[in-house]
Amino acid sequence: MQIIHTLDDLHCWRADNTDVALVPTMGNLHDGHLALVELARQHAARVVVSIFVNPLQFGPNEDFSRYPRTLEADCARLKAIGVDAVFSPDATELFPQPQRYHVEPPELANELCGAFRPGHFRGVATIVLKLLNLVQPRVAVFGRKDYQQLAIIRGLCADLNVPVQIVASDTVRADDGLALSSRNGFLSPTERAEAPRLYRLLGEIRQQLVDGKRNFSALENAAAQTLSEHGWRVDYIAIRTPVLELPVTADRQFVVLGAAHLGRTRLIDNIELTATKNL
């Protein structure tokens, strides 16, 4: 496995490897990231994992400075599963001067997570486009846990005619249902025991939608209230269509999304569903 830190070395490696899948990450890898790699391997001859903690997607009061940097351990895990190359530039390599041009996503970027993290998806879209331009993969793999991010990246590639196939990987969960996340390590033992409640509540909404309930705001508010009663600070619980529009009663396909803070840690999750019961 080759570990690449500079753009020149990346270009040299890329010249000798033509069929590439990219898995963009910020490092501190867990089994969910490894599942992305395994899926990427099914789509291309070579797999590149990028590891870069992107400052553009963090707000001034967020956890950029304490986000774990674990490059040595990450590379060991990636080598063990046969990754071909790791691209891990430092900030000066990607930003030799302050970024002057940015990708400005549509209004969706200001809803849901974007309403609570202004500028976040602008930073995500900008770094993803940079990575796609640099690596020039045929395929890039992203997780469904970051559902809104996935939708924005798909839209970016479609609108800007980026010749990359975006492949989505299912969320990987712990035995108790908690979605794997690099931020789970911030949870105290007490918080970790409480954390699966978010997924359970999204599952309860899912079941009520399957059973024919369509009072969307009541379902959202009840789940948010339950989280608040158990010490969470809720950003949102939301029921949307698969393209993240507001649903109507006649809809059958939904995604139930949630974001909330437990202690100092912000957790997100979602559940997709198709409700076939007649109303």
C-alpha atoms as a PDB file:
ATOM      1  CA  MET A   1       0.000   0.000   0.000  1.00  0.00           C
ATOM      2  CA  GLN A   2       1.352   3.395  -0.971  1.00  0.00           C
ATOM      3  CA  ILE A   3       0.907   6.357   1.379  1.00  0.00           C
ATOM      4  CA  ILE A   4       0.780   9.589  -0.600  1.00  0.00           C
ATOM      5  CA  HIS A   5       1.124  13.063   0.901  1.00  0.00           C
ATOM      6  CA  THR A   6       1.730  15.338  -2.100  1.00  0.00           C
ATOM      7  CA  LEU A   7      -0.137  16.178  -5.272  1.00  0.00           C
ATOM      8  CA  ASP A   8       2.891  15.332  -7.400  1.00  0.00           C
ATOM      9  CA  ASP A   9       3.117  11.849  -5.905  1.00  0.00           C
ATOM     10  CA  LEU A  10      -0.631  11.380  -6.346  1.00  0.00           C
ATOM     11  CA  HIS A  11      -0.389  12.297 -10.025  1.00  0.00           C
ATOM     12  CA  CYS A  12       2.477   9.835 -10.511  1.00  0.00           C
ATOM     13  CA  TRP A  13       0.538   7.023  -8.815  1.00  0.00           C
ATOM     14  CA  ARG A  14      -2.611   7.851 -10.728  1.00  0.00           C
ATOM     15  CA  ALA A  15      -0.783   7.729 -14.066  1.00  0.00           C
ATOM     16  CA  ASP A  16      -0.012   4.039 -13.455  1.00  0.00           C
ATOM     17  CA  ASN A  17      -3.465   3.127 -12.106  1.00  0.00           C
ATOM     18  CA  THR A  18      -6.358   3.857 -14.396  1.00  0.00           C
ATOM     19  CA  ASP A  19      -9.398   2.137 -12.847  1.00  0.00           C
ATOM     20  CA  VAL A  20      -9.840   3.742  -9.434  1.00  0.00           C
ATOM     21  CA  ALA A  21     -12.498   3.960  -6.721  1.00  0.00           C
ATOM     22  CA  LEU A  22     -12.177   6.675  -4.078  1.00  0.00           C
ATOM     23  CA  VAL A  23     -13.350   6.504  -0.470  1.00  0.00           C
ATOM     24  CA  PRO A  24     -13.125  10.021   1.023  1.00  0.00           C
ATOM     25  CA  THR A  25     -12.731  10.089   4.829  1.00  0.00           C
ATOM     26  CA  MET A  26     -11.497  12.316   7.624  1.00  0.00           C
ATOM     27  CA  GLY A  27      -9.687   9.425   9.289  1.00  0.00           C
ATOM     28  CA  ASN A  28     -10.189   7.916  12.755  1.00  0.00           C
ATOM     29  CA  LEU A  29     -11.490   4.924  10.856  1.00  0.00           C
ATOM     30  CA  HIS A  30     -14.003   2.369  12.148  1.00  0.00           C
ATOM     31  CA  ASP A  31     -15.744  -0.668  10.683  1.00  0.00           C
ATOM     32  CA  GLY A  32     -18.179   1.555   8.795  1.00  0.00           C
ATOM     33  CA  HIS A  33     -15.302   3.028   6.810  1.00  0.00           C
ATOM     34  CA  LEU A  34     -13.942  -0.442   6.115  1.00  0.00           C
ATOM     35  CA  ALA A  35     -17.343  -1.404   4.704  1.00  0.00           C
ATOM     36  CA  LEU A  36     -17.020   1.528   2.281  1.00  0.00           C
ATOM     37  CA  VAL A  37     -13.666   0.154   1.188  1.00  0.00           C
ATOM     38  CA  GLU A  38     -15.080  -3.328   0.633  1.00  0.00           C
ATOM     39  CA  LEU A  39     -17.863  -1.868  -1.502  1.00  0.00           C
ATOM     40  CA  ALA A  40     -15.368   0.242  -3.447  1.00  0.00           C
ATOM     41  CA  ARG A  41     -13.353  -2.878  -4.222  1.00  0.00           C
ATOM     42  CA  GLN A  42     -16.402  -4.312  -6.019  1.00  0.00           C
ATOM     43  CA  HIS A  43     -16.456  -1.363  -8.408  1.00  0.00           C
ATOM     44  CA  ALA A  44     -12.843  -0.765  -9.483  1.00  0.00           C
ATOM     45  CA  ALA A  45      -9.454  -2.421  -9.779  1.00  0.00           C
ATOM     46  CA  ARG A  46      -7.759  -0.012  -7.366  1.00  0.00           C
ATOM     47  CA  VAL A  47      -9.031   1.613  -4.175  1.00  0.00           C
ATOM     48  CA  VAL A  48      -7.772   4.936  -2.838  1.00  0.00           C
ATOM     49  CA  VAL A  49      -8.782   6.155   0.617  1.00  0.00           C
ATOM     50  CA  SER A  50      -8.318   9.853   1.279  1.00  0.00           C
ATOM     51  CA  ILE A  51      -7.716  10.977   4.859  1.00  0.00           C
ATOM     52  CA  PHE A  52      -8.056  14.699   5.406  1.00  0.00           C
ATOM     53  CA  VAL A  53      -9.727  16.618   8.226  1.00  0.00           C
ATOM     54  CA  ASN A  54     -11.315  19.349   6.165  1.00  0.00           C
ATOM     55  CA  PRO A  55     -11.299  22.746   7.887  1.00  0.00           C
ATOM     56  CA  LEU A  56     -13.806  24.180   5.399  1.00  0.00           C
ATOM     57  CA  GLN A  57     -16.677  22.107   6.800  1.00  0.00           C
ATOM     58  CA  PHE A  58     -16.231  23.022  10.478  1.00  0.00           C
ATOM     59  CA  GLY A  59     -17.827  26.075  12.053  1.00  0.00           C
ATOM     60  CA  PRO A  60     -15.936  28.354  14.467  1.00  0.00           C
ATOM     61  CA  ASN A  61     -17.355  26.653  17.587  1.00  0.00           C
ATOM     62  CA  GLU A  62     -17.217  23.046  16.336  1.00  0.00           C
ATOM     63  CA  ASP A  63     -14.787  20.217  17.047  1.00  0.00           C
ATOM     64  CA  PHE A  64     -12.135  20.678  14.339  1.00  0.00           C
ATOM     65  CA  SER A  65      -9.276  20.979  16.821  1.00  0.00           C
ATOM     66  CA  ARG A  66     -10.273  17.884  18.818  1.00  0.00           C
ATOM     67  CA  TYR A  67     -11.253  15.705  15.879  1.00  0.00           C
ATOM     68  CA  PRO A  68      -9.024  12.611  16.245  1.00  0.00           C
ATOM     69  CA  ARG A  69      -5.993  12.352  13.963  1.00  0.00           C
ATOM     70  CA  THR A  70      -4.982   8.682  13.898  1.00  0.00           C
ATOM     71  CA  LEU A  71      -3.133   8.304  10.600  1.00  0.00           C
ATOM     72  CA  GLU A  72      -0.741   5.535  11.642  1.00  0.00           C
ATOM     73  CA  ALA A  73      -3.513   3.313  13.033  1.00  0.00           C
ATOM     74  CA  ASP A  74      -5.762   4.121  10.065  1.00  0.00           C
ATOM     75  CA  CYS A  75      -3.084   3.115   7.565  1.00  0.00           C
ATOM     76  CA  ALA A  76      -2.488  -0.156   9.407  1.00  0.00           C
ATOM     77  CA  ARG A  77      -6.196  -1.043   9.155  1.00  0.00           C
ATOM     78  CA  LEU A  78      -6.352  -0.089   5.498  1.00  0.00           C
ATOM     79  CA  LYS A  79      -3.225  -2.042   4.611  1.00  0.00           C
ATOM     80  CA  ALA A  80      -4.661  -5.121   6.320  1.00  0.00           C
ATOM     81  CA  ILE A  81      -7.701  -5.114   4.001  1.00  0.00           C
ATOM     82  CA  GLY A  82      -5.749  -4.505   0.831  1.00  0.00           C
ATOM     83  CA  VAL A  83      -6.230  -0.815   0.076  1.00  0.00           C
ATOM     84  CA  ASP A  84      -3.954   0.233  -2.778  1.00  0.00           C
ATOM     85  CA  ALA A  85      -3.187   3.800  -1.746  1.00  0.00           C
ATOM     86  CA  VAL A  86      -3.889   6.323   0.995  1.00  0.00           C
ATOM     87  CA  PHE A  87      -3.934   9.987   0.027  1.00  0.00           C
ATOM     88  CA  SER A  88      -3.265  12.026   3.158  1.00  0.00           C
ATOM     89  CA  PRO A  89      -2.232  15.575   2.301  1.00  0.00           C
ATOM     90  CA  ASP A  90      -1.734  18.318   4.829  1.00  0.00           C
ATOM     91  CA  ALA A  91      -3.719  21.534   4.627  1.00  0.00           C
ATOM     92  CA  THR A  92      -0.960  23.497   2.874  1.00  0.00           C
ATOM     93  CA  GLU A  93      -0.887  20.890   0.099  1.00  0.00           C
ATOM     94  CA  LEU A  94      -4.593  21.296  -0.657  1.00  0.00           C
ATOM     95  CA  PHE A  95      -4.762  24.989   0.227  1.00  0.00           C
ATOM     96  CA  PRO A  96      -1.441  26.619  -0.755  1.00  0.00           C
ATOM     97  CA  GLN A  97      -3.390  29.850  -0.487  1.00  0.00           C
ATOM     98  CA  PRO A  98      -6.745  30.531   1.169  1.00  0.00           C
ATOM     99  CA  GLN A  99      -9.575  28.951  -0.818  1.00  0.00           C
ATOM    100  CA  ARG A 100     -11.075  31.666  -3.008  1.00  0.00           C
ATOM    101  CA  TYR A 101     -13.574  29.650  -5.047  1.00  0.00           C
ATOM    102  CA  HIS A 102     -16.232  27.556  -3.342  1.00  0.00           C
ATOM    103  CA  VAL A 103     -19.019  25.224  -4.396  1.00  0.00           C
ATOM    104  CA  GLU A 104     -22.305  26.807  -3.300  1.00  0.00           C
ATOM    105  CA  PRO A 105     -24.962  24.083  -2.966  1.00  0.00           C
ATOM    106  CA  PRO A 106     -28.682  24.803  -3.392  1.00  0.00           C
ATOM    107  CA  GLU A 107     -31.140  25.637  -0.622  1.00  0.00           C
ATOM    108  CA  LEU A 108     -31.103  22.041   0.642  1.00  0.00           C
ATOM    109  CA  ALA A 109     -27.716  22.833   2.177  1.00  0.00           C
ATOM    110  CA  ASN A 110     -29.408  25.298   4.560  1.00  0.00           C
ATOM    111  CA  GLU A 111     -31.996  22.815   5.824  1.00  0.00           C
ATOM    112  CA  LEU A 112     -31.768  19.961   8.356  1.00  0.00           C
ATOM    113  CA  CYS A 113     -28.081  19.758   9.380  1.00  0.00           C
ATOM    114  CA  GLY A 114     -27.322  22.855   7.343  1.00  0.00           C
ATOM    115  CA  ALA A 115     -29.690  24.952   9.453  1.00  0.00           C
ATOM    116  CA  PHE A 116     -27.552  24.189  12.513  1.00  0.00           C
ATOM    117  CA  ARG A 117     -24.148  24.127  10.782  1.00  0.00           C
ATOM    118  CA  PRO A 118     -24.065  27.188   8.499  1.00  0.00           C
ATOM    119  CA  GLY A 119     -21.589  26.747   5.672  1.00  0.00           C
ATOM    120  CA  HIS A 120     -20.972  23.074   6.455  1.00  0.00           C
ATOM    121  CA  PHE A 121     -22.169  21.664   3.134  1.00  0.00           C
ATOM    122  CA  ARG A 122     -20.434  24.447   1.232  1.00  0.00           C
ATOM    123  CA  GLY A 123     -17.207  23.174   2.772  1.00  0.00           C
ATOM    124  CA  VAL A 124     -18.100  19.537   2.117  1.00  0.00           C
ATOM    125  CA  ALA A 125     -18.999  20.162  -1.527  1.00  0.00           C
ATOM    126  CA  THR A 126     -15.834  22.172  -2.120  1.00  0.00           C
ATOM    127  CA  ILE A 127     -13.457  19.567  -0.690  1.00  0.00           C
ATOM    128  CA  VAL A 128     -15.250  16.683  -2.382  1.00  0.00           C
ATOM    129  CA  LEU A 129     -14.969  18.391  -5.769  1.00  0.00           C
ATOM    130  CA  LYS A 130     -11.265  19.043  -5.121  1.00  0.00           C
ATOM    131  CA  LEU A 131     -10.681  15.391  -4.234  1.00  0.00           C
ATOM    132  CA  LEU A 132     -12.615  14.153  -7.269  1.00  0.00           C
ATOM    133  CA  ASN A 133     -10.592  16.457  -9.507  1.00  0.00           C
ATOM    134  CA  LEU A 134      -7.304  15.336  -7.978  1.00  0.00           C
ATOM    135  CA  VAL A 135      -7.873  11.583  -7.779  1.00  0.00           C
ATOM    136  CA  GLN A 136     -10.117  11.383 -10.872  1.00  0.00           C
ATOM    137  CA  PRO A 137     -11.789   8.145  -9.798  1.00  0.00           C
ATOM    138  CA  ARG A 138     -14.378   6.330 -11.859  1.00  0.00           C
ATOM    139  CA  VAL A 139     -16.357   5.623  -8.666  1.00  0.00           C
ATOM    140  CA  ALA A 140     -16.585   7.310  -5.257  1.00  0.00           C
ATOM    141  CA  VAL A 141     -18.216   5.649  -2.251  1.00  0.00           C
ATOM    142  CA  PHE A 142     -20.081   7.463   0.529  1.00  0.00           C
ATOM    143  CA  GLY A 143     -22.136   6.229   3.479  1.00  0.00           C
ATOM    144  CA  ARG A 144     -25.896   6.504   3.790  1.00  0.00           C
ATOM    145  CA  LYS A 145     -25.561   7.606   7.431  1.00  0.00           C
ATOM    146  CA  ASP A 146     -24.734  11.084   6.127  1.00  0.00           C
ATOM    147  CA  TYR A 147     -27.908  11.095   4.025  1.00  0.00           C
ATOM    148  CA  GLN A 148     -28.059  14.825   3.361  1.00  0.00           C
ATOM    149  CA  GLN A 149     -24.378  14.928   2.455  1.00  0.00           C
ATOM    150  CA  LEU A 150     -24.914  12.045   0.027  1.00  0.00           C
ATOM    151  CA  ALA A 151     -27.810  13.883  -1.640  1.00  0.00           C
ATOM    152  CA  ILE A 152     -25.759  17.062  -2.043  1.00  0.00           C
ATOM    153  CA  ILE A 153     -22.763  15.219  -3.497  1.00  0.00           C
ATOM    154  CA  ARG A 154     -24.992  13.381  -5.962  1.00  0.00           C
ATOM    155  CA  GLY A 155     -26.517  16.701  -6.995  1.00  0.00           C
ATOM    156  CA  LEU A 156     -23.102  18.306  -7.348  1.00  0.00           C
ATOM    157  CA  CYS A 157     -21.886  15.569  -9.693  1.00  0.00           C
ATOM    158  CA  ALA A 158     -25.087  15.654 -11.732  1.00  0.00           C
ATOM    159  CA  ASP A 159     -25.273  19.436 -12.125  1.00  0.00           C
ATOM    160  CA  LEU A 160     -21.554  19.927 -12.835  1.00  0.00           C
ATOM    161  CA  ASN A 161     -21.272  16.857 -15.084  1.00  0.00           C
ATOM    162  CA  VAL A 162     -18.562  15.303 -12.921  1.00  0.00           C
ATOM    163  CA  PRO A 163     -17.814  11.934 -14.580  1.00  0.00           C
ATOM    164  CA  VAL A 164     -17.829   9.941 -11.348  1.00  0.00           C
ATOM    165  CA  GLN A 165     -20.353   7.307 -10.278  1.00  0.00           C
ATOM    166  CA  ILE A 166     -21.485   7.940  -6.681  1.00  0.00           C
ATOM    167  CA  VAL A 167     -22.129   4.678  -4.837  1.00  0.00           C
ATOM    168  CA  ALA A 168     -23.904   4.601  -1.461  1.00  0.00           C
ATOM    169  CA  SER A 169     -23.044   2.146   1.302  1.00  0.00           C
ATOM    170  CA  ASP A 170     -25.526   1.084   3.979  1.00  0.00           C
ATOM    171  CA  THR A 171     -25.014   2.332   7.524  1.00  0.00           C
ATOM    172  CA  VAL A 172     -22.992  -0.004   9.736  1.00  0.00           C
ATOM    173  CA  ARG A 173     -24.289  -0.293  13.296  1.00  0.00           C
ATOM    174  CA  ALA A 174     -23.158  -1.575  16.659  1.00  0.00           C
ATOM    175  CA  ASP A 175     -25.095  -4.493  18.144  1.00  0.00           C
ATOM    176  CA  ASP A 176     -27.379  -2.069  20.005  1.00  0.00           C
ATOM    177  CA  GLY A 177     -28.216  -0.131  16.832  1.00  0.00           C
ATOM    178  CA  LEU A 178     -25.961   2.898  17.251  1.00  0.00           C
ATOM    179  CA  ALA A 179     -24.625   4.016  13.879  1.00  0.00           C
ATOM    180  CA  LEU A 180     -20.848   3.773  13.815  1.00  0.00           C
ATOM    181  CA  SER A 181     -19.218   7.194  13.799  1.00  0.00           C
ATOM    182  CA  SER A 182     -15.782   8.607  14.461  1.00  0.00           C
ATOM    183  CA  ARG A 183     -17.419  10.883  17.028  1.00  0.00           C
ATOM    184  CA  ASN A 184     -18.750   7.977  19.116  1.00  0.00           C
ATOM    185  CA  GLY A 185     -15.399   7.911  20.867  1.00  0.00           C
ATOM    186  CA  PHE A 186     -16.259  11.252  22.464  1.00  0.00           C
ATOM    187  CA  LEU A 187     -19.152   9.673  24.390  1.00  0.00           C
ATOM    188  CA  SER A 188     -18.753   8.874  28.071  1.00  0.00           C
ATOM    189  CA  PRO A 189     -19.812   5.362  29.168  1.00  0.00           C
ATOM    190  CA  THR A 190     -23.136   6.752  30.400  1.00  0.00           C
ATOM    191  CA  GLU A 191     -23.694   8.648  27.160  1.00  0.00           C
ATOM    192  CA  ARG A 192     -22.740   5.607  25.101  1.00  0.00           C
ATOM    193  CA  ALA A 193     -25.427   3.574  26.872  1.00  0.00           C
ATOM    194  CA  GLU A 194     -27.988   6.283  26.113  1.00  0.00           C
ATOM    195  CA  ALA A 195     -26.912   6.927  22.512  1.00  0.00           C
ATOM    196  CA  PRO A 196     -28.941   4.144  20.793  1.00  0.00           C
ATOM    197  CA  ARG A 197     -32.161   5.900  21.835  1.00  0.00           C
ATOM    198  CA  LEU A 198     -31.940   8.099  18.737  1.00  0.00           C
ATOM    199  CA  TYR A 199     -32.040   5.088  16.412  1.00  0.00           C
ATOM    200  CA  ARG A 200     -34.830   3.450  18.429  1.00  0.00           C
ATOM    201  CA  LEU A 201     -37.004   6.560  18.176  1.00  0.00           C
ATOM    202  CA  LEU A 202     -36.425   6.853  14.434  1.00  0.00           C
ATOM    203  CA  GLY A 203     -37.441   3.202  14.224  1.00  0.00           C
ATOM    204  CA  GLU A 204     -40.637   3.919  16.130  1.00  0.00           C
ATOM    205  CA  ILE A 205     -41.503   6.680  13.661  1.00  0.00           C
ATOM    206  CA  ARG A 206     -40.755   4.274  10.838  1.00  0.00           C
ATOM    207  CA  GLN A 207     -43.207   1.759  12.263  1.00  0.00           C
ATOM    208  CA  GLN A 208     -45.922   4.367  12.694  1.00  0.00           C
ATOM    209  CA  LEU A 209     -45.497   5.476   9.078  1.00  0.00           C
ATOM    210  CA  VAL A 210     -45.710   1.846   7.955  1.00  0.00           C
ATOM    211  CA  ASP A 211     -48.899   1.527  10.043  1.00  0.00           C
ATOM    212  CA  GLY A 212     -50.437   4.425   8.148  1.00  0.00           C
ATOM    213  CA  LYS A 213     -49.861   7.381  10.486  1.00  0.00           C
ATOM    214  CA  ARG A 214     -49.355  10.627   8.550  1.00  0.00           C
ATOM    215  CA  ASN A 215     -49.381  13.352  11.202  1.00  0.00           C
ATOM    216  CA  PHE A 216     -45.770  14.109  10.392  1.00  0.00           C
ATOM    217  CA  SER A 217     -45.213  17.031  12.759  1.00  0.00           C
ATOM    218  CA  ALA A 218     -46.749  15.162  15.693  1.00  0.00           C
ATOM    219  CA  LEU A 219     -44.470  12.182  15.094  1.00  0.00           C
ATOM    220  CA  GLU A 220     -41.434  14.442  14.845  1.00  0.00           C
ATOM    221  CA  ASN A 221     -42.317  16.461  17.940  1.00  0.00           C
ATOM    222  CA  ALA A 222     -43.014  13.397  20.087  1.00  0.00           C
ATOM    223  CA  ALA A 223     -39.609  11.891  19.301  1.00  0.00           C
ATOM    224  CA  ALA A 224     -37.834  15.194  19.923  1.00  0.00           C
ATOM    225  CA  GLN A 225     -39.643  15.576  23.238  1.00  0.00           C
ATOM    226  CA  THR A 226     -38.577  12.085  24.332  1.00  0.00           C
ATOM    227  CA  LEU A 227     -34.955  12.830  23.519  1.00  0.00           C
ATOM    228  CA  SER A 228     -35.106  16.111  25.440  1.00  0.00           C
ATOM    229  CA  GLU A 229     -36.541  14.327  28.460  1.00  0.00           C
ATOM    230  CA  HIS A 230     -33.515  12.028  28.450  1.00  0.00           C
ATOM    231  CA  GLY A 231     -30.934  14.801  28.390  1.00  0.00           C
ATOM    232  CA  TRP A 232     -30.428  15.335  24.671  1.00  0.00           C
ATOM    233  CA  ARG A 233     -30.249  18.722  22.957  1.00  0.00           C
ATOM    234  CA  VAL A 234     -32.192  18.164  19.758  1.00  0.00           C
ATOM    235  CA  ASP A 235     -31.391  19.884  16.484  1.00  0.00           C
ATOM    236  CA  TYR A 236     -34.150  18.180  14.532  1.00  0.00           C
ATOM    237  CA  ILE A 237     -36.229  15.098  13.957  1.00  0.00           C
ATOM    238  CA  ALA A 238     -37.579  15.215  10.404  1.00  0.00           C
ATOM    239  CA  ILE A 239     -39.629  13.093   8.033  1.00  0.00           C
ATOM    240  CA  ARG A 240     -38.785  13.719   4.393  1.00  0.00           C
ATOM    241  CA  THR A 241     -39.159  12.110   0.997  1.00  0.00           C
ATOM    242  CA  PRO A 242     -36.133  10.254  -0.446  1.00  0.00           C
ATOM    243  CA  VAL A 243     -35.057  13.478  -2.196  1.00  0.00           C
ATOM    244  CA  LEU A 244     -35.433  15.368   1.105  1.00  0.00           C
ATOM    245  CA  GLU A 245     -38.572  17.273   0.209  1.00  0.00           C
ATOM    246  CA  LEU A 246     -41.414  17.743   2.666  1.00  0.00           C
ATOM    247  CA  PRO A 247     -43.775  14.757   2.467  1.00  0.00           C
ATOM    248  CA  VAL A 248     -47.480  14.693   1.732  1.00  0.00           C
ATOM    249  CA  THR A 249     -50.066  12.210   2.922  1.00  0.00           C
ATOM    250  CA  ALA A 250     -50.092  10.245  -0.330  1.00  0.00           C
ATOM    251  CA  ASP A 251     -46.357   9.541  -0.218  1.00  0.00           C
ATOM    252  CA  ARG A 252     -45.188   5.989   0.343  1.00  0.00           C
ATOM    253  CA  GLN A 253     -41.401   6.412   0.490  1.00  0.00           C
ATOM    254  CA  PHE A 254     -39.780   8.294   3.346  1.00  0.00           C
ATOM    255  CA  VAL A 255     -36.531   8.902   5.140  1.00  0.00           C
ATOM    256  CA  VAL A 256     -36.671   9.687   8.864  1.00  0.00           C
ATOM    257  CA  LEU A 257     -33.706  11.775   9.972  1.00  0.00           C
ATOM    258  CA  GLY A 258     -32.438  12.985  13.308  1.00  0.00           C
ATOM    259  CA  ALA A 259     -29.594  15.044  14.728  1.00  0.00           C
ATOM    260  CA  ALA A 260     -29.088  15.714  18.422  1.00  0.00           C
ATOM    261  CA  HIS A 261     -26.363  16.434  20.949  1.00  0.00           C
ATOM    262  CA  LEU A 262     -25.577  14.074  23.790  1.00  0.00           C
ATOM    263  CA  GLY A 263     -23.193  15.877  26.087  1.00  0.00           C
ATOM    264  CA  ARG A 264     -20.579  17.465  23.816  1.00  0.00           C
ATOM    265  CA  THR A 265     -21.170  14.993  20.982  1.00  0.00           C
ATOM    266  CA  ARG A 266     -23.473  15.562  18.024  1.00  0.00           C
ATOM    267  CA  LEU A 267     -24.986  12.376  16.614  1.00  0.00           C
ATOM    268  CA  ILE A 268     -26.925  11.927  13.379  1.00  0.00           C
ATOM    269  CA  ASP A 269     -28.868   9.001  11.989  1.00  0.00           C
ATOM    270  CA  ASN A 270     -31.601   8.127   9.522  1.00  0.00           C
ATOM    271  CA  ILE A 271     -33.879   5.296   8.441  1.00  0.00           C
ATOM    272  CA  GLU A 272     -35.299   4.821   4.949  1.00  0.00           C
ATOM    273  CA  LEU A 273     -38.615   3.075   4.421  1.00  0.00           C
ATOM    274  CA  THR A 274     -41.407   2.245   2.016  1.00  0.00           C
ATOM    275  CA  ALA A 275     -44.915   2.194   3.492  1.00  0.00           C
ATOM    276  CA  THR A 276     -47.259   0.024   1.450  1.00  0.00           C
ATOM    277  CA  LYS A 277     -50.312   0.039   3.712  1.00  0.00           C
ATOM    278  CA  ASN A 278     -53.377   1.671   2.224  1.00  0.00           C
ATOM    279  CA  LEU A 279     -54.524   4.794   4.049  1.00  0.00           C
END
